[in-house]
Structure formats: C-alpha cells, structure tokens
N, C-alpha and C. Protein backbone atom coordinates (compact mmCIF):
# COMPACT_ATOMS: atom_id res chain seq x y z
N UNK A 1 -67.42 -178.76 -13.06
CA UNK A 1 -68.10 -179.18 -11.94
C UNK A 1 -68.91 -178.24 -10.08
N UNK A 2 -70.36 -178.57 -10.02
CA UNK A 2 -70.86 -177.82 -9.08
C UNK A 2 -70.41 -177.72 -7.71
N UNK A 3 -70.22 -177.17 -7.14
CA UNK A 3 -69.98 -176.65 -5.73
C UNK A 3 -68.57 -176.71 -5.53
N UNK A 4 -67.33 -176.80 -6.84
CA UNK A 4 -66.41 -176.84 -7.07
C UNK A 4 -65.90 -174.65 -5.99
N UNK A 5 -65.49 -174.65 -5.28
CA UNK A 5 -64.89 -173.39 -5.04
C UNK A 5 -63.88 -172.93 -5.30
N UNK A 6 -63.58 -171.56 -6.43
CA UNK A 6 -62.66 -171.18 -7.03
C UNK A 6 -60.80 -171.25 -5.94
N UNK A 7 -61.20 -171.44 -4.86
CA UNK A 7 -59.49 -171.47 -3.74
C UNK A 7 -59.61 -173.25 -3.99
N UNK A 8 -60.74 -174.26 -4.43
CA UNK A 8 -59.79 -175.10 -4.70
C UNK A 8 -59.09 -175.85 -5.65
N UNK A 9 -59.46 -174.54 -6.72
CA UNK A 9 -58.53 -175.37 -7.95
C UNK A 9 -57.28 -175.05 -8.21
N UNK A 10 -56.48 -175.69 -8.59
CA UNK A 10 -54.79 -175.74 -8.39
C UNK A 10 -54.65 -176.32 -7.29
N UNK A 11 -54.80 -176.20 -6.31
CA UNK A 11 -54.83 -176.46 -4.88
C UNK A 11 -53.35 -177.85 -4.59
N UNK A 12 -52.34 -177.37 -4.04
CA UNK A 12 -52.19 -178.85 -3.45
C UNK A 12 -51.12 -178.82 -5.04
N UNK A 13 -50.36 -180.53 -4.53
CA UNK A 13 -49.57 -180.73 -5.69
C UNK A 13 -49.29 -182.22 -5.65
N UNK A 14 -49.92 -183.16 -6.40
CA UNK A 14 -50.20 -182.13 -7.55
C UNK A 14 -52.28 -182.25 -7.10
N UNK A 15 -52.66 -181.47 -7.79
CA UNK A 15 -54.23 -180.40 -7.17
C UNK A 15 -54.91 -182.11 -7.97
N UNK A 16 -55.84 -182.46 -7.26
CA UNK A 16 -56.55 -184.07 -7.51
C UNK A 16 -56.94 -183.55 -9.02
N UNK A 17 -57.18 -184.62 -9.52
CA UNK A 17 -58.13 -184.90 -11.10
C UNK A 17 -59.61 -183.64 -10.91
N UNK A 18 -60.27 -183.39 -10.53
CA UNK A 18 -61.38 -182.80 -10.48
C UNK A 18 -61.18 -181.54 -9.85
N UNK A 19 -60.03 -180.99 -9.70
CA UNK A 19 -59.33 -179.18 -9.54
C UNK A 19 -58.37 -179.32 -10.18
N UNK A 20 -58.45 -179.75 -11.52
CA UNK A 20 -57.23 -179.16 -12.20
C UNK A 20 -57.70 -178.38 -13.19
N UNK A 21 -56.87 -177.12 -13.44
CA UNK A 21 -57.32 -176.63 -14.97
C UNK A 21 -56.43 -177.15 -15.91
N UNK A 22 -56.89 -177.47 -17.06
CA UNK A 22 -56.58 -177.75 -18.20
C UNK A 22 -57.07 -176.95 -19.65
N UNK A 23 -56.24 -177.42 -20.42
CA UNK A 23 -56.70 -176.40 -21.70
C UNK A 23 -57.56 -177.29 -22.15
N UNK A 24 -58.35 -178.32 -21.69
CA UNK A 24 -59.93 -179.18 -21.93
C UNK A 24 -61.16 -177.94 -21.11
N UNK A 25 -60.71 -177.93 -20.17
CA UNK A 25 -61.20 -176.92 -19.31
C UNK A 25 -61.65 -175.71 -18.70
N UNK A 26 -60.11 -174.66 -19.54
CA UNK A 26 -60.12 -173.83 -18.59
C UNK A 26 -60.99 -172.60 -19.40
N UNK A 27 -61.58 -172.75 -20.42
CA UNK A 27 -62.36 -171.71 -20.59
C UNK A 27 -64.43 -171.93 -20.05
N UNK A 28 -64.51 -172.91 -19.28
CA UNK A 28 -65.95 -173.47 -18.80
C UNK A 28 -65.77 -172.82 -17.33
N UNK A 29 -67.10 -172.58 -17.03
CA UNK A 29 -67.41 -172.96 -15.12
C UNK A 29 -66.91 -173.64 -14.45
N UNK A 30 -66.10 -174.18 -13.54
CA UNK A 30 -65.95 -172.96 -12.60
C UNK A 30 -64.25 -172.94 -12.79
N UNK A 31 -63.33 -173.37 -14.17
CA UNK A 31 -62.76 -173.37 -14.29
C UNK A 31 -61.97 -172.25 -14.59
N UNK A 32 -62.55 -171.44 -15.58
CA UNK A 32 -62.32 -170.36 -16.19
C UNK A 32 -62.43 -169.04 -14.29
N UNK A 33 -62.88 -169.24 -13.77
CA UNK A 33 -62.59 -168.16 -12.30
C UNK A 33 -60.99 -167.88 -12.12
N UNK A 34 -60.01 -169.18 -12.40
CA UNK A 34 -58.71 -169.52 -12.37
C UNK A 34 -58.37 -169.23 -13.13
N UNK A 35 -58.23 -169.69 -14.21
CA UNK A 35 -57.79 -169.89 -15.43
C UNK A 35 -57.63 -168.02 -16.05
N UNK A 36 -58.80 -167.47 -16.31
CA UNK A 36 -58.60 -166.05 -16.51
C UNK A 36 -57.59 -165.32 -16.08
N UNK A 37 -57.12 -165.84 -14.85
CA UNK A 37 -55.80 -164.90 -14.29
C UNK A 37 -54.68 -165.72 -14.27
N UNK A 38 -54.47 -166.74 -14.68
CA UNK A 38 -53.62 -167.18 -15.12
C UNK A 38 -53.14 -167.93 -16.05
N UNK A 39 -53.52 -167.49 -17.21
CA UNK A 39 -53.28 -168.07 -18.28
C UNK A 39 -52.14 -168.15 -18.91
N UNK A 40 -51.30 -167.66 -18.69
CA UNK A 40 -49.58 -167.47 -18.86
C UNK A 40 -48.89 -169.20 -18.46
N UNK A 41 -50.02 -169.64 -17.18
CA UNK A 41 -49.60 -170.74 -16.87
C UNK A 41 -49.78 -171.73 -17.63
N UNK A 42 -50.92 -171.71 -18.58
CA UNK A 42 -51.80 -172.85 -19.38
C UNK A 42 -51.58 -172.74 -21.02
N UNK A 43 -50.93 -171.42 -21.79
CA UNK A 43 -50.98 -171.10 -22.58
C UNK A 43 -49.51 -170.57 -23.01
N UNK A 44 -49.03 -171.08 -23.81
CA UNK A 44 -47.79 -169.96 -24.36
C UNK A 44 -48.14 -169.09 -24.54
N UNK A 45 -47.99 -167.52 -23.69
CA UNK A 45 -48.08 -165.78 -23.93
C UNK A 45 -46.89 -165.28 -23.41
N UNK A 46 -46.65 -163.95 -23.83
CA UNK A 46 -46.06 -162.73 -23.50
C UNK A 46 -46.66 -161.76 -22.77
N UNK A 47 -46.22 -160.89 -21.89
CA UNK A 47 -46.69 -159.49 -21.75
C UNK A 47 -46.27 -158.67 -22.70
N UNK A 48 -46.81 -158.21 -23.35
CA UNK A 48 -46.56 -157.20 -24.35
C UNK A 48 -46.22 -155.48 -23.45
N UNK A 49 -45.49 -155.23 -23.37
CA UNK A 49 -44.73 -154.06 -22.72
C UNK A 49 -45.28 -152.20 -23.39
N UNK A 50 -46.06 -151.63 -22.77
CA UNK A 50 -46.38 -150.29 -23.68
C UNK A 50 -45.17 -149.33 -23.03
N UNK A 51 -45.68 -148.07 -23.96
CA UNK A 51 -44.72 -147.50 -24.32
C UNK A 51 -45.07 -146.09 -22.83
N UNK A 52 -43.98 -146.10 -21.41
CA UNK A 52 -45.06 -145.39 -20.51
C UNK A 52 -45.15 -143.65 -21.07
N UNK A 53 -44.19 -143.52 -22.05
CA UNK A 53 -44.45 -142.42 -22.10
C UNK A 53 -45.86 -141.67 -23.32
N UNK A 54 -45.94 -143.28 -23.30
CA UNK A 54 -47.48 -142.70 -24.44
C UNK A 54 -49.12 -143.06 -23.61
N UNK A 55 -48.54 -143.42 -22.34
CA UNK A 55 -49.95 -144.27 -21.96
C UNK A 55 -50.60 -142.02 -20.61
N UNK A 56 -51.86 -142.24 -21.35
CA UNK A 56 -52.64 -140.80 -20.80
C UNK A 56 -53.09 -141.77 -19.42
N UNK A 57 -53.15 -140.47 -18.88
CA UNK A 57 -53.62 -141.08 -17.08
C UNK A 57 -55.18 -140.76 -17.18
N UNK A 58 -56.31 -141.44 -16.80
CA UNK A 58 -57.40 -140.94 -16.59
C UNK A 58 -57.80 -140.32 -14.98
N UNK A 59 -58.53 -139.37 -15.57
CA UNK A 59 -59.21 -138.69 -14.37
C UNK A 59 -60.25 -139.28 -13.86
N UNK A 60 -60.42 -139.43 -12.24
CA UNK A 60 -61.29 -140.09 -11.80
C UNK A 60 -62.91 -139.15 -11.64
N UNK A 61 -63.81 -140.07 -11.59
CA UNK A 61 -64.83 -138.46 -11.90
C UNK A 61 -65.84 -139.57 -10.90
N UNK A 62 -67.32 -139.01 -10.35
CA UNK A 62 -67.97 -139.28 -9.74
C UNK A 62 -69.73 -139.86 -10.72
N UNK A 63 -70.10 -141.26 -10.46
CA UNK A 63 -71.30 -141.41 -10.56
C UNK A 63 -71.85 -141.85 -9.48
N UNK A 64 -72.81 -142.02 -9.39
CA UNK A 64 -74.02 -142.81 -8.57
C UNK A 64 -74.64 -144.33 -8.99
N UNK A 65 -74.46 -145.41 -8.65
CA UNK A 65 -75.20 -146.48 -9.11
C UNK A 65 -75.84 -147.33 -7.95
N UNK A 66 -76.32 -145.94 -6.89
CA UNK A 66 -76.90 -146.99 -5.99
C UNK A 66 -78.56 -147.10 -6.55
N UNK A 67 -79.34 -146.48 -7.36
CA UNK A 67 -80.15 -146.31 -7.71
C UNK A 67 -80.39 -147.56 -8.93
N UNK A 68 -78.91 -147.84 -9.67
CA UNK A 68 -79.16 -148.95 -10.59
C UNK A 68 -79.57 -150.39 -10.56
N UNK A 69 -80.42 -150.43 -11.10
CA UNK A 69 -80.97 -151.56 -11.77
C UNK A 69 -80.98 -152.62 -12.71
N UNK A 70 -80.28 -153.51 -12.62
CA UNK A 70 -80.16 -154.58 -14.29
C UNK A 70 -81.24 -155.96 -13.82
N UNK A 71 -81.69 -156.06 -15.25
CA UNK A 71 -82.66 -157.43 -15.54
C UNK A 71 -81.86 -158.83 -15.28
N UNK A 72 -81.59 -159.30 -14.00
CA UNK A 72 -81.42 -160.69 -14.37
C UNK A 72 -81.94 -161.77 -14.59
N UNK A 73 -82.63 -161.41 -15.51
CA UNK A 73 -83.47 -162.91 -15.68
C UNK A 73 -84.53 -162.88 -15.42
N UNK A 74 -85.49 -161.74 -15.09
CA UNK A 74 -86.61 -161.64 -14.00
C UNK A 74 -86.93 -161.17 -12.81
N UNK A 75 -85.42 -161.12 -12.45
CA UNK A 75 -85.24 -160.46 -10.98
C UNK A 75 -84.53 -159.31 -10.60
N UNK A 76 -84.97 -158.25 -10.65
CA UNK A 76 -83.96 -157.25 -10.40
C UNK A 76 -83.10 -157.19 -9.61
N UNK A 77 -81.65 -156.60 -10.34
CA UNK A 77 -80.66 -156.61 -9.42
C UNK A 77 -79.48 -155.47 -9.11
N UNK A 78 -79.50 -155.17 -8.23
CA UNK A 78 -78.60 -154.32 -7.73
C UNK A 78 -76.85 -154.28 -8.96
N UNK A 79 -76.33 -153.71 -8.78
CA UNK A 79 -75.02 -153.52 -9.19
C UNK A 79 -74.06 -154.62 -9.06
N UNK A 80 -73.73 -154.45 -7.47
CA UNK A 80 -73.23 -155.62 -6.91
C UNK A 80 -73.41 -156.97 -6.74
N UNK A 81 -75.05 -157.49 -6.34
CA UNK A 81 -75.66 -158.88 -6.98
C UNK A 81 -75.31 -159.42 -8.79
N UNK A 82 -75.34 -157.95 -9.49
CA UNK A 82 -74.81 -158.57 -10.54
C UNK A 82 -73.74 -159.11 -10.57
N UNK A 83 -72.63 -158.25 -10.09
CA UNK A 83 -71.56 -158.41 -10.30
C UNK A 83 -70.91 -160.29 -9.81
N UNK A 84 -71.81 -159.93 -8.83
CA UNK A 84 -71.25 -161.42 -8.43
C UNK A 84 -71.64 -162.72 -8.77
N UNK A 85 -73.04 -162.57 -9.43
CA UNK A 85 -73.82 -163.47 -9.94
C UNK A 85 -73.28 -163.58 -11.63
N UNK A 86 -72.44 -162.64 -11.86
CA UNK A 86 -72.09 -162.53 -13.19
C UNK A 86 -70.42 -163.27 -13.44
N UNK A 87 -69.97 -163.67 -11.76
CA UNK A 87 -68.98 -164.02 -11.92
C UNK A 87 -67.75 -162.40 -12.44
N UNK A 88 -68.23 -161.86 -11.66
CA UNK A 88 -67.27 -160.71 -12.82
C UNK A 88 -65.75 -160.36 -11.93
N UNK A 89 -64.85 -160.77 -12.44
CA UNK A 89 -63.12 -160.40 -11.96
C UNK A 89 -62.84 -158.97 -12.00
N UNK A 90 -63.39 -158.14 -12.60
CA UNK A 90 -63.04 -156.66 -12.31
C UNK A 90 -63.89 -155.73 -13.18
N UNK A 91 -64.11 -154.75 -13.13
CA UNK A 91 -65.02 -153.59 -13.81
C UNK A 91 -64.60 -152.15 -14.00
N UNK A 92 -64.52 -151.49 -15.43
CA UNK A 92 -64.40 -150.44 -15.34
C UNK A 92 -65.09 -149.24 -15.88
N UNK A 93 -65.32 -148.45 -15.31
CA UNK A 93 -66.57 -147.91 -16.19
C UNK A 93 -65.97 -146.38 -16.29
N UNK A 94 -65.98 -146.10 -17.69
CA UNK A 94 -65.78 -144.54 -18.49
C UNK A 94 -67.07 -143.66 -18.72
N UNK A 95 -66.86 -142.76 -18.20
CA UNK A 95 -67.64 -141.65 -18.93
C UNK A 95 -67.18 -140.29 -18.80
N UNK A 96 -67.09 -139.54 -19.96
CA UNK A 96 -66.72 -139.08 -20.67
C UNK A 96 -65.61 -138.80 -20.28
N UNK A 97 -64.45 -139.79 -20.33
CA UNK A 97 -63.51 -139.63 -20.18
C UNK A 97 -62.75 -139.84 -19.03
N UNK A 98 -63.55 -139.94 -17.88
CA UNK A 98 -63.21 -140.24 -17.01
C UNK A 98 -63.73 -141.88 -16.02
N UNK A 99 -63.04 -142.02 -14.91
CA UNK A 99 -63.60 -143.21 -14.75
C UNK A 99 -64.68 -142.82 -13.13
N UNK A 100 -65.51 -143.56 -13.18
CA UNK A 100 -66.76 -143.39 -12.36
C UNK A 100 -66.48 -144.78 -11.35
N UNK A 101 -66.28 -145.21 -12.19
CA UNK A 101 -66.30 -147.22 -11.11
C UNK A 101 -65.20 -148.07 -11.94
N UNK A 102 -64.32 -148.11 -10.84
CA UNK A 102 -63.20 -149.58 -10.90
C UNK A 102 -63.09 -150.33 -9.62
N UNK A 103 -63.43 -151.45 -10.03
CA UNK A 103 -63.46 -152.69 -8.73
C UNK A 103 -63.20 -153.76 -9.36
N UNK A 104 -62.71 -154.30 -8.29
CA UNK A 104 -61.80 -155.91 -8.53
C UNK A 104 -62.46 -156.62 -7.88
N UNK A 105 -62.83 -158.25 -7.93
CA UNK A 105 -63.24 -159.24 -6.83
C UNK A 105 -62.69 -160.78 -7.66
N UNK A 106 -62.74 -161.40 -6.71
CA UNK A 106 -61.96 -162.41 -7.27
C UNK A 106 -60.58 -162.40 -6.87
N UNK A 107 -59.86 -162.03 -6.40
CA UNK A 107 -58.51 -161.66 -5.94
C UNK A 107 -58.00 -160.71 -7.03
N UNK A 108 -58.92 -160.75 -7.57
CA UNK A 108 -58.12 -159.79 -9.11
C UNK A 108 -57.79 -158.43 -8.60
N UNK A 109 -56.63 -157.62 -9.20
CA UNK A 109 -56.33 -156.36 -8.44
C UNK A 109 -55.73 -155.83 -10.16
N UNK A 110 -55.58 -153.99 -9.98
CA UNK A 110 -55.23 -153.51 -10.75
C UNK A 110 -54.17 -154.07 -11.79
N UNK A 111 -53.56 -154.82 -11.47
CA UNK A 111 -52.10 -155.26 -12.12
C UNK A 111 -52.08 -156.27 -12.46
N UNK A 112 -53.16 -157.09 -12.23
CA UNK A 112 -53.15 -158.75 -12.71
C UNK A 112 -53.83 -159.11 -13.87
N UNK A 113 -52.58 -159.65 -14.59
CA UNK A 113 -53.21 -160.30 -16.05
C UNK A 113 -54.03 -160.89 -16.26
N UNK A 114 -55.01 -160.46 -17.09
CA UNK A 114 -56.17 -161.14 -17.44
C UNK A 114 -56.42 -161.33 -18.75
N UNK A 115 -57.12 -162.46 -18.90
CA UNK A 115 -57.96 -162.88 -20.49
C UNK A 115 -59.24 -162.20 -20.40
N UNK A 116 -58.57 -161.28 -21.90
CA UNK A 116 -59.92 -160.57 -21.94
C UNK A 116 -61.21 -161.15 -23.12
N UNK A 117 -62.13 -161.30 -22.77
CA UNK A 117 -63.64 -161.82 -23.19
C UNK A 117 -63.84 -161.20 -24.42
N UNK A 118 -63.75 -161.04 -25.43
CA UNK A 118 -63.89 -160.33 -26.53
C UNK A 118 -65.48 -160.06 -26.63
N UNK A 119 -66.19 -161.76 -26.52
CA UNK A 119 -67.50 -161.40 -26.40
C UNK A 119 -68.39 -160.93 -25.72
N UNK A 120 -67.27 -160.15 -24.60
CA UNK A 120 -68.19 -159.23 -23.27
C UNK A 120 -67.90 -158.07 -23.88
N UNK A 121 -67.01 -157.55 -24.53
CA UNK A 121 -67.03 -156.28 -24.70
C UNK A 121 -67.96 -155.90 -25.89
N UNK A 122 -68.27 -157.03 -27.15
CA UNK A 122 -69.46 -156.82 -27.97
C UNK A 122 -70.32 -156.86 -27.31
N UNK A 123 -70.67 -157.50 -26.31
CA UNK A 123 -72.15 -157.56 -25.92
C UNK A 123 -72.54 -156.50 -24.94
N UNK A 124 -71.74 -155.90 -24.02
CA UNK A 124 -71.83 -154.84 -23.37
C UNK A 124 -71.59 -153.36 -24.48
N UNK A 125 -71.28 -153.35 -25.70
CA UNK A 125 -71.28 -152.31 -27.05
C UNK A 125 -72.89 -152.50 -27.21
N UNK A 126 -73.50 -153.69 -27.48
CA UNK A 126 -74.28 -154.00 -28.24
C UNK A 126 -75.52 -153.46 -27.51
N UNK A 127 -75.35 -153.82 -25.99
CA UNK A 127 -76.63 -153.43 -25.22
C UNK A 127 -76.72 -151.64 -24.78
N UNK A 128 -75.26 -151.16 -24.97
CA UNK A 128 -74.89 -149.77 -24.78
C UNK A 128 -75.74 -149.57 -25.90
N UNK A 129 -75.87 -149.42 -27.37
CA UNK A 129 -76.31 -148.95 -28.45
C UNK A 129 -77.75 -149.16 -28.11
N UNK A 130 -78.49 -150.71 -27.73
CA UNK A 130 -79.48 -150.53 -27.66
C UNK A 130 -80.37 -149.66 -26.40
N UNK A 131 -79.74 -149.07 -25.32
CA UNK A 131 -80.18 -148.37 -24.23
C UNK A 131 -80.08 -146.91 -24.78
N UNK A 132 -79.02 -147.04 -25.56
CA UNK A 132 -79.21 -145.21 -26.08
C UNK A 132 -80.33 -145.15 -26.92
N UNK A 133 -80.49 -146.06 -27.87
CA UNK A 133 -81.86 -146.10 -28.90
C UNK A 133 -82.90 -145.96 -28.24
N UNK A 134 -82.95 -146.36 -27.12
CA UNK A 134 -84.23 -146.69 -26.70
C UNK A 134 -84.34 -145.64 -25.72
N UNK A 135 -83.17 -144.58 -25.15
CA UNK A 135 -83.47 -143.27 -24.95
C UNK A 135 -83.27 -143.56 -23.29
N UNK A 136 -82.81 -144.98 -23.28
CA UNK A 136 -82.29 -145.09 -21.45
C UNK A 136 -81.42 -144.89 -21.02
N UNK A 137 -80.20 -144.56 -22.05
CA UNK A 137 -79.15 -143.69 -21.63
C UNK A 137 -78.76 -142.86 -22.82
N UNK A 138 -77.58 -142.00 -22.31
CA UNK A 138 -76.92 -141.16 -23.70
C UNK A 138 -75.27 -141.82 -23.49
N UNK A 139 -75.04 -141.11 -24.76
CA UNK A 139 -73.88 -141.37 -24.65
C UNK A 139 -72.67 -140.14 -24.22
C-alpha cells in the first residue's frame, strides 16, 4: 500500500485491516519493513544460541565512503542515499577481517533479530565478483 509508514503498521489494537502484517503480505513492501524485525511474531521460529567460547571478536578499521557513488538506476547515489532508497535496516561491511562500516536504520539495533534475505547476499556477492573482474574493486 503506497504512502503507508512503517510506524503505522501493527499500530493500535487491533490494527486496522490495511495496517496489519500477515502471512499473506509479510514479504512485500511496505509490510516487510516491519515484519523482518518481528518475524517471531508471525511464524514459528526460535533463537539459536551461539557458544560464547567460539565467538571471535572483530576489530574495527577505517574506510572512506564519502566519495562512493552507487548507480541508482540512472542517478549517482551516495551511500546514505542508497541505503535510504533501498530500505536497508542494517549494514555491516568487512574489509580484511575488520568492520569498516556498521550502521542501523528503521529502528534496528545491533542485537535486533532480523530475517536474513539470502537473495541479497547472493546479489551482493555477484556484484562484488563482477566489480573485481572489471578491476573496479579488489578482494
């Protein structure tokens, strides 16, 4: 539904019909903006605990993203513009084993459960491989 804001979804009790996130719409925009951070309220799922003794702490590095421009369908976008237009909830960029960018949007925080989208991971991996093969990026 166009014009519906994330803050309006699932608001009130009961939420109005057009503001309800359901199994029929939870993976479509704009409902996915709410559902990807509330998936346990929609489908049976469980947190899988990690072994604290096996967690490797990542270091933090520096990278300059100020000059980065991303093709946004004919428009050159800054990283911030791209993240806003793509409805990104969170992004972490690793370079040589160090976190060089970590940012959260749409009410998400580092420990917020979130539905992973495998399509995005595959797309990002493919784009990175292409950029490396074209000499525009390196591993």
